[in-house]
Each structure stands twice: as structure tokens, then as C-alpha cells.
PDB file of N, CA and C in Angstrom:
ATOM      1  N   MET A   1     -44.405 135.827-300.114  1.00  0.00           N
ATOM      2  CA  MET A   1     -43.945 134.607-300.732  1.00  0.00           C
ATOM      3  C   MET A   1     -43.060 133.880-299.723  1.00  0.00           C
ATOM      4  N   HIS A   2     -43.322 132.618-299.556  1.00  0.00           N
ATOM      5  CA  HIS A   2     -42.541 131.788-298.640  1.00  0.00           C
ATOM      6  C   HIS A   2     -41.797 130.730-299.466  1.00  0.00           C
ATOM      7  N   PRO A   3     -40.476 130.804-299.509  1.00  0.00           N
ATOM      8  CA  PRO A   3     -39.740 129.825-300.323  1.00  0.00           C
ATOM      9  C   PRO A   3     -39.833 128.412-299.737  1.00  0.00           C
ATOM     10  N   TRP A   4     -39.778 127.441-300.617  1.00  0.00           N
ATOM     11  CA  TRP A   4     -39.788 126.045-300.199  1.00  0.00           C
ATOM     12  C   TRP A   4     -38.995 125.236-301.206  1.00  0.00           C
ATOM     13  N   ALA A   5     -38.647 124.034-300.825  1.00  0.00           N
ATOM     14  CA  ALA A   5     -37.894 123.144-301.700  1.00  0.00           C
ATOM     15  C   ALA A   5     -38.510 121.757-301.624  1.00  0.00           C
ATOM     16  N   ALA A   6     -38.311 120.994-302.673  1.00  0.00           N
ATOM     17  CA  ALA A   6     -38.855 119.641-302.717  1.00  0.00           C
ATOM     18  C   ALA A   6     -37.941 118.757-303.547  1.00  0.00           C
ATOM     19  N   MET A   7     -38.027 117.484-303.293  1.00  0.00           N
ATOM     20  CA  MET A   7     -37.337 116.496-304.120  1.00  0.00           C
ATOM     21  C   MET A   7     -38.383 115.912-305.052  1.00  0.00           C
ATOM     22  N   VAL A   8     -38.042 115.828-306.325  1.00  0.00           N
ATOM     23  CA  VAL A   8     -38.962 115.261-307.307  1.00  0.00           C
ATOM     24  C   VAL A   8     -38.265 114.147-308.075  1.00  0.00           C
ATOM     25  N   ALA A   9     -39.059 113.303-308.683  1.00  0.00           N
ATOM     26  CA  ALA A   9     -38.554 112.212-309.509  1.00  0.00           C
ATOM     27  C   ALA A   9     -39.106 112.391-310.919  1.00  0.00           C
ATOM     28  N   PRO A  10     -38.460 111.793-311.888  1.00  0.00           N
ATOM     29  CA  PRO A  10     -38.962 111.903-313.261  1.00  0.00           C
ATOM     30  C   PRO A  10     -40.381 111.334-313.398  1.00  0.00           C
ATOM     31  N   ALA A  11     -41.153 111.930-314.289  1.00  0.00           N
ATOM     32  CA  ALA A  11     -42.496 111.405-314.570  1.00  0.00           C
ATOM     33  C   ALA A  11     -42.371 109.947-314.971  1.00  0.00           C
ATOM     34  N   GLY A  12     -43.300 109.144-314.501  1.00  0.00           N
ATOM     35  CA  GLY A  12     -43.298 107.731-314.851  1.00  0.00           C
ATOM     36  C   GLY A  12     -42.505 106.858-313.892  1.00  0.00           C
ATOM     37  N   THR A  13     -41.874 107.462-312.869  1.00  0.00           N
ATOM     38  CA  THR A  13     -41.159 106.657-311.879  1.00  0.00           C
ATOM     39  C   THR A  13     -42.181 105.757-311.183  1.00  0.00           C
ATOM     40  N   PRO A  14     -41.895 104.466-311.075  1.00  0.00           N
ATOM     41  CA  PRO A  14     -42.851 103.552-310.444  1.00  0.00           C
ATOM     42  C   PRO A  14     -43.239 104.009-309.034  1.00  0.00           C
ATOM     43  N   ALA A  15     -44.503 103.825-308.684  1.00  0.00           N
ATOM     44  CA  ALA A  15     -45.028 104.265-307.390  1.00  0.00           C
ATOM     45  C   ALA A  15     -44.247 103.672-306.229  1.00  0.00           C
ATOM     46  N   ARG A  16     -43.820 102.420-306.348  1.00  0.00           N
ATOM     47  CA  ARG A  16     -43.073 101.796-305.244  1.00  0.00           C
ATOM     48  C   ARG A  16     -41.734 102.492-305.032  1.00  0.00           C
ATOM     49  N   ILE A  17     -41.123 102.981-306.101  1.00  0.00           N
ATOM     50  CA  ILE A  17     -39.848 103.703-305.992  1.00  0.00           C
ATOM     51  C   ILE A  17     -40.090 105.072-305.358  1.00  0.00           C
ATOM     52  N   VAL A  18     -41.141 105.760-305.783  1.00  0.00           N
ATOM     53  CA  VAL A  18     -41.474 107.058-305.198  1.00  0.00           C
ATOM     54  C   VAL A  18     -41.750 106.902-303.704  1.00  0.00           C
ATOM     55  N   ALA A  19     -42.490 105.869-303.347  1.00  0.00           N
ATOM     56  CA  ALA A  19     -42.805 105.624-301.930  1.00  0.00           C
ATOM     57  C   ALA A  19     -41.535 105.364-301.126  1.00  0.00           C
ATOM     58  N   GLN A  20     -40.620 104.579-301.677  1.00  0.00           N
ATOM     59  CA  GLN A  20     -39.363 104.291-300.965  1.00  0.00           C
ATOM     60  C   GLN A  20     -38.523 105.559-300.825  1.00  0.00           C
ATOM     61  N   LEU A  21     -38.440 106.354-301.886  1.00  0.00           N
ATOM     62  CA  LEU A  21     -37.695 107.611-301.821  1.00  0.00           C
ATOM     63  C   LEU A  21     -38.294 108.532-300.755  1.00  0.00           C
ATOM     64  N   GLN A  22     -39.614 108.594-300.697  1.00  0.00           N
ATOM     65  CA  GLN A  22     -40.283 109.446-299.719  1.00  0.00           C
ATOM     66  C   GLN A  22     -39.971 108.975-298.297  1.00  0.00           C
ATOM     67  N   ARG A  23     -40.033 107.663-298.051  1.00  0.00           N
ATOM     68  CA  ARG A  23     -39.715 107.125-296.720  1.00  0.00           C
ATOM     69  C   ARG A  23     -38.270 107.425-296.353  1.00  0.00           C
ATOM     70  N   ASP A  24     -37.353 107.211-297.297  1.00  0.00           N
ATOM     71  CA  ASP A  24     -35.934 107.439-297.024  1.00  0.00           C
ATOM     72  C   ASP A  24     -35.643 108.916-296.772  1.00  0.00           C
ATOM     73  N   LEU A  25     -36.280 109.786-297.542  1.00  0.00           N
ATOM     74  CA  LEU A  25     -36.072 111.219-297.364  1.00  0.00           C
ATOM     75  C   LEU A  25     -36.587 111.672-296.008  1.00  0.00           C
ATOM     76  N   VAL A  26     -37.766 111.234-295.627  1.00  0.00           N
ATOM     77  CA  VAL A  26     -38.315 111.598-294.320  1.00  0.00           C
ATOM     78  C   VAL A  26     -37.386 111.109-293.210  1.00  0.00           C
ATOM     79  N   ALA A  27     -36.883 109.889-293.331  1.00  0.00           N
ATOM     80  CA  ALA A  27     -35.964 109.363-292.316  1.00  0.00           C
ATOM     81  C   ALA A  27     -34.711 110.228-292.220  1.00  0.00           C
ATOM     82  N   ALA A  28     -34.170 110.632-293.348  1.00  0.00           N
ATOM     83  CA  ALA A  28     -32.977 111.482-293.345  1.00  0.00           C
ATOM     84  C   ALA A  28     -33.272 112.842-292.730  1.00  0.00           C
ATOM     85  N   LEU A  29     -34.430 113.403-293.062  1.00  0.00           N
ATOM     86  CA  LEU A  29     -34.787 114.725-292.545  1.00  0.00           C
ATOM     87  C   LEU A  29     -35.038 114.717-291.044  1.00  0.00           C
ATOM     88  N   GLU A  30     -35.295 113.556-290.491  1.00  0.00           N
ATOM     89  CA  GLU A  30     -35.562 113.454-289.058  1.00  0.00           C
ATOM     90  C   GLU A  30     -34.306 113.219-288.232  1.00  0.00           C
ATOM     91  N   THR A  31     -33.151 113.076-288.880  1.00  0.00           N
ATOM     92  CA  THR A  31     -31.925 112.855-288.114  1.00  0.00           C
ATOM     93  C   THR A  31     -31.500 114.131-287.402  1.00  0.00           C
ATOM     94  N   ALA A  32     -30.813 113.957-286.289  1.00  0.00           N
ATOM     95  CA  ALA A  32     -30.350 115.104-285.507  1.00  0.00           C
ATOM     96  C   ALA A  32     -29.403 115.981-286.319  1.00  0.00           C
ATOM     97  N   GLU A  33     -28.545 115.366-287.118  1.00  0.00           N
ATOM     98  CA  GLU A  33     -27.590 116.144-287.902  1.00  0.00           C
ATOM     99  C   GLU A  33     -28.298 117.058-288.899  1.00  0.00           C
ATOM    100  N   VAL A  34     -29.246 116.506-289.639  1.00  0.00           N
ATOM    101  CA  VAL A  34     -29.960 117.309-290.633  1.00  0.00           C
ATOM    102  C   VAL A  34     -30.803 118.376-289.938  1.00  0.00           C
ATOM    103  N   ARG A  35     -31.490 118.010-288.872  1.00  0.00           N
ATOM    104  CA  ARG A  35     -32.304 118.985-288.127  1.00  0.00           C
ATOM    105  C   ARG A  35     -31.426 120.121-287.600  1.00  0.00           C
ATOM    106  N   GLY A  36     -30.262 119.767-287.059  1.00  0.00           N
ATOM    107  CA  GLY A  36     -29.354 120.777-286.526  1.00  0.00           C
ATOM    108  C   GLY A  36     -28.870 121.747-287.592  1.00  0.00           C
ATOM    109  N   ARG A  37     -28.485 121.210-288.732  1.00  0.00           N
ATOM    110  CA  ARG A  37     -28.018 122.070-289.827  1.00  0.00           C
ATOM    111  C   ARG A  37     -29.150 122.957-290.351  1.00  0.00           C
ATOM    112  N   ALA A  38     -30.326 122.399-290.442  1.00  0.00           N
ATOM    113  CA  ALA A  38     -31.472 123.191-290.905  1.00  0.00           C
ATOM    114  C   ALA A  38     -31.769 124.320-289.921  1.00  0.00           C
ATOM    115  N   ASP A  39     -31.735 124.007-288.635  1.00  0.00           N
ATOM    116  CA  ASP A  39     -31.973 125.033-287.622  1.00  0.00           C
ATOM    117  C   ASP A  39     -30.930 126.146-287.725  1.00  0.00           C
ATOM    118  N   GLN A  40     -29.666 125.777-287.881  1.00  0.00           N
ATOM    119  CA  GLN A  40     -28.598 126.769-288.004  1.00  0.00           C
ATOM    120  C   GLN A  40     -28.814 127.676-289.210  1.00  0.00           C
ATOM    121  N   ALA A  41     -29.330 127.118-290.282  1.00  0.00           N
ATOM    122  CA  ALA A  41     -29.544 127.874-291.516  1.00  0.00           C
ATOM    123  C   ALA A  41     -30.876 128.624-291.508  1.00  0.00           C
ATOM    124  N   GLY A  42     -31.697 128.396-290.490  1.00  0.00           N
ATOM    125  CA  GLY A  42     -32.982 129.078-290.403  1.00  0.00           C
ATOM    126  C   GLY A  42     -34.091 128.445-291.213  1.00  0.00           C
ATOM    127  N   PHE A  43     -33.941 127.155-291.523  1.00  0.00           N
ATOM    128  CA  PHE A  43     -34.957 126.450-292.302  1.00  0.00           C
ATOM    129  C   PHE A  43     -35.871 125.635-291.401  1.00  0.00           C
ATOM    130  N   ASP A  44     -37.141 125.584-291.748  1.00  0.00           N
ATOM    131  CA  ASP A  44     -38.093 124.694-291.097  1.00  0.00           C
ATOM    132  C   ASP A  44     -38.247 123.469-291.983  1.00  0.00           C
ATOM    133  N   ILE A  45     -38.095 122.297-291.395  1.00  0.00           N
ATOM    134  CA  ILE A  45     -38.262 121.058-292.153  1.00  0.00           C
ATOM    135  C   ILE A  45     -39.674 120.545-291.923  1.00  0.00           C
ATOM    136  N   GLU A  46     -40.403 120.384-293.016  1.00  0.00           N
ATOM    137  CA  GLU A  46     -41.772 119.884-292.950  1.00  0.00           C
ATOM    138  C   GLU A  46     -41.945 118.776-293.984  1.00  0.00           C
ATOM    139  N   PRO A  47     -41.576 117.533-293.626  1.00  0.00           N
ATOM    140  CA  PRO A  47     -41.757 116.437-294.587  1.00  0.00           C
ATOM    141  C   PRO A  47     -43.201 116.367-295.060  1.00  0.00           C
ATOM    142  N   SER A  48     -43.356 115.946-296.291  1.00  0.00           N
ATOM    143  CA  SER A  48     -44.675 115.924-296.912  1.00  0.00           C
ATOM    144  C   SER A  48     -44.853 114.608-297.667  1.00  0.00           C
ATOM    145  N   THR A  49     -45.841 114.594-298.531  1.00  0.00           N
ATOM    146  CA  THR A  49     -46.123 113.423-299.353  1.00  0.00           C
ATOM    147  C   THR A  49     -46.200 113.862-300.819  1.00  0.00           C
ATOM    148  N   PRO A  50     -46.101 112.928-301.742  1.00  0.00           N
ATOM    149  CA  PRO A  50     -46.251 113.296-303.156  1.00  0.00           C
ATOM    150  C   PRO A  50     -47.583 114.000-303.438  1.00  0.00           C
ATOM    151  N   ASP A  51     -48.665 113.527-302.844  1.00  0.00           N
ATOM    152  CA  ASP A  51     -49.971 114.164-303.073  1.00  0.00           C
ATOM    153  C   ASP A  51     -50.000 115.582-302.520  1.00  0.00           C
ATOM    154  N   ALA A  52     -49.419 115.781-301.343  1.00  0.00           N
ATOM    155  CA  ALA A  52     -49.384 117.121-300.756  1.00  0.00           C
ATOM    156  C   ALA A  52     -48.515 118.059-301.599  1.00  0.00           C
ATOM    157  N   LEU A  53     -47.427 117.544-302.165  1.00  0.00           N
ATOM    158  CA  LEU A  53     -46.577 118.370-303.027  1.00  0.00           C
ATOM    159  C   LEU A  53     -47.330 118.775-304.294  1.00  0.00           C
ATOM    160  N   ARG A  54     -48.045 117.823-304.894  1.00  0.00           N
ATOM    161  CA  ARG A  54     -48.843 118.158-306.084  1.00  0.00           C
ATOM    162  C   ARG A  54     -49.860 119.255-305.765  1.00  0.00           C
ATOM    163  N   ALA A  55     -50.503 119.143-304.613  1.00  0.00           N
ATOM    164  CA  ALA A  55     -51.492 120.142-304.203  1.00  0.00           C
ATOM    165  C   ALA A  55     -50.819 121.498-303.971  1.00  0.00           C
ATOM    166  N   ARG A  56     -49.644 121.510-303.339  1.00  0.00           N
ATOM    167  CA  ARG A  56     -48.931 122.770-303.093  1.00  0.00           C
ATOM    168  C   ARG A  56     -48.534 123.427-304.407  1.00  0.00           C
ATOM    169  N   MET A  57     -48.037 122.629-305.344  1.00  0.00           N
ATOM    170  CA  MET A  57     -47.626 123.176-306.639  1.00  0.00           C
ATOM    171  C   MET A  57     -48.828 123.742-307.397  1.00  0.00           C
ATOM    172  N   ALA A  58     -49.949 123.053-307.347  1.00  0.00           N
ATOM    173  CA  ALA A  58     -51.158 123.545-308.025  1.00  0.00           C
ATOM    174  C   ALA A  58     -51.635 124.839-307.366  1.00  0.00           C
ATOM    175  N   SER A  59     -51.594 124.887-306.057  1.00  0.00           N
ATOM    176  CA  SER A  59     -52.006 126.080-305.327  1.00  0.00           C
ATOM    177  C   SER A  59     -51.102 127.265-305.665  1.00  0.00           C
ATOM    178  N   ASP A  60     -49.793 127.040-305.682  1.00  0.00           N
ATOM    179  CA  ASP A  60     -48.859 128.112-306.027  1.00  0.00           C
ATOM    180  C   ASP A  60     -49.051 128.570-307.474  1.00  0.00           C
ATOM    181  N   ARG A  61     -49.270 127.614-308.380  1.00  0.00           N
ATOM    182  CA  ARG A  61     -49.510 127.977-309.776  1.00  0.00           C
ATOM    183  C   ARG A  61     -50.720 128.905-309.894  1.00  0.00           C
ATOM    184  N   ALA A  62     -51.782 128.558-309.191  1.00  0.00           N
ATOM    185  CA  ALA A  62     -52.991 129.382-309.231  1.00  0.00           C
ATOM    186  C   ALA A  62     -52.746 130.748-308.590  1.00  0.00           C
ATOM    187  N   LEU A  63     -52.036 130.761-307.474  1.00  0.00           N
ATOM    188  CA  LEU A  63     -51.766 132.005-306.760  1.00  0.00           C
ATOM    189  C   LEU A  63     -50.937 132.971-307.599  1.00  0.00           C
ATOM    190  N   TYR A  64     -49.935 132.433-308.287  1.00  0.00           N
ATOM    191  CA  TYR A  64     -49.016 133.286-309.039  1.00  0.00           C
ATOM    192  C   TYR A  64     -49.364 133.402-310.528  1.00  0.00           C
ATOM    193  N   ALA A  65     -50.495 132.855-310.931  1.00  0.00           N
ATOM    194  CA  ALA A  65     -50.901 132.910-312.342  1.00  0.00           C
ATOM    195  C   ALA A  65     -50.921 134.335-312.894  1.00  0.00           C
ATOM    196  N   PRO A  66     -51.404 135.316-312.137  1.00  0.00           N
ATOM    197  CA  PRO A  66     -51.390 136.677-312.688  1.00  0.00           C
ATOM    198  C   PRO A  66     -49.976 137.164-313.018  1.00  0.00           C
ATOM    199  N   LEU A  67     -49.013 136.867-312.167  1.00  0.00           N
ATOM    200  CA  LEU A  67     -47.635 137.278-312.443  1.00  0.00           C
ATOM    201  C   LEU A  67     -47.054 136.524-313.630  1.00  0.00           C
ATOM    202  N   ILE A  68     -47.355 135.239-313.695  1.00  0.00           N
ATOM    203  CA  ILE A  68     -46.872 134.440-314.819  1.00  0.00           C
ATOM    204  C   ILE A  68     -47.453 135.002-316.117  1.00  0.00           C
ATOM    205  N   GLY A  69     -48.741 135.311-316.084  1.00  0.00           N
ATOM    206  CA  GLY A  69     -49.413 135.850-317.258  1.00  0.00           C
ATOM    207  C   GLY A  69     -48.861 137.196-317.704  1.00  0.00           C
ATOM    208  N   GLU A  70     -48.392 137.980-316.754  1.00  0.00           N
ATOM    209  CA  GLU A  70     -47.824 139.282-317.074  1.00  0.00           C
ATOM    210  C   GLU A  70     -46.375 139.176-317.552  1.00  0.00           C
ATOM    211  N   GLY A  71     -45.855 137.978-317.536  1.00  0.00           N
ATOM    212  CA  GLY A  71     -44.496 137.781-318.030  1.00  0.00           C
ATOM    213  C   GLY A  71     -43.411 138.055-317.026  1.00  0.00           C
ATOM    214  N   ARG A  72     -43.752 138.133-315.766  1.00  0.00           N
ATOM    215  CA  ARG A  72     -42.745 138.406-314.749  1.00  0.00           C
ATOM    216  C   ARG A  72     -42.061 137.146-314.231  1.00  0.00           C
ATOM    217  N   ILE A  73     -42.648 135.983-314.481  1.00  0.00           N
ATOM    218  CA  ILE A  73     -42.080 134.724-314.002  1.00  0.00           C
ATOM    219  C   ILE A  73     -42.003 133.753-315.171  1.00  0.00           C
ATOM    220  N   ALA A  74     -40.847 133.157-315.361  1.00  0.00           N
ATOM    221  CA  ALA A  74     -40.688 132.147-316.402  1.00  0.00           C
ATOM    222  C   ALA A  74     -41.238 130.822-315.897  1.00  0.00           C
ATOM    223  N   THR A  75     -41.890 130.074-316.768  1.00  0.00           N
ATOM    224  CA  THR A  75     -42.390 128.759-316.397  1.00  0.00           C
ATOM    225  C   THR A  75     -41.494 127.708-317.023  1.00  0.00           C
ATOM    226  N   MET A  76     -41.563 126.541-316.441  1.00  0.00           N
ATOM    227  CA  MET A  76     -40.733 125.433-316.939  1.00  0.00           C
ATOM    228  C   MET A  76     -41.554 124.537-317.811  1.00  0.00           C
TER     229      MET A  76
END
């Protein structure tokens, strides 16, 4: 299992707002300060897109479905 983190917005957030948030987040993640802190903490920064995040979440859901089904993981 490889941990990851993402920023999400409430369902129904207008596409233009999601796009702006994504651009702003990528810009912040590319700054030397953020990169330096991430490196110190041992994190790899890999900016993505809303579509790629949806695909990753679906892939993880499918991968871990057996554990979820066995009651070892709580779902939201």
C-alpha cells in the first residue's frame, strides 16, 4: 500500500472553480519552499488532475474491495 493525499472540493463545485483550484495548487506545489519541505519529510509530489484522481480512487476502491467487504476498512 502506498499512501497518498489529495485536495477535493464539494460535489457540485463549478468546473471553472475546480480548474482554478487545480492550477493554483499545482503552482504552490512547484515552489521551492514546498518542494524542499516535501523532500525533507520524504514525500514525492506528483500533481495530478481531477480526472486522474477519480481514476486513482476507482482503482483503489477496486483493489481494496475484498478488504472492505471483509469489514477491515470503513468506507465513507
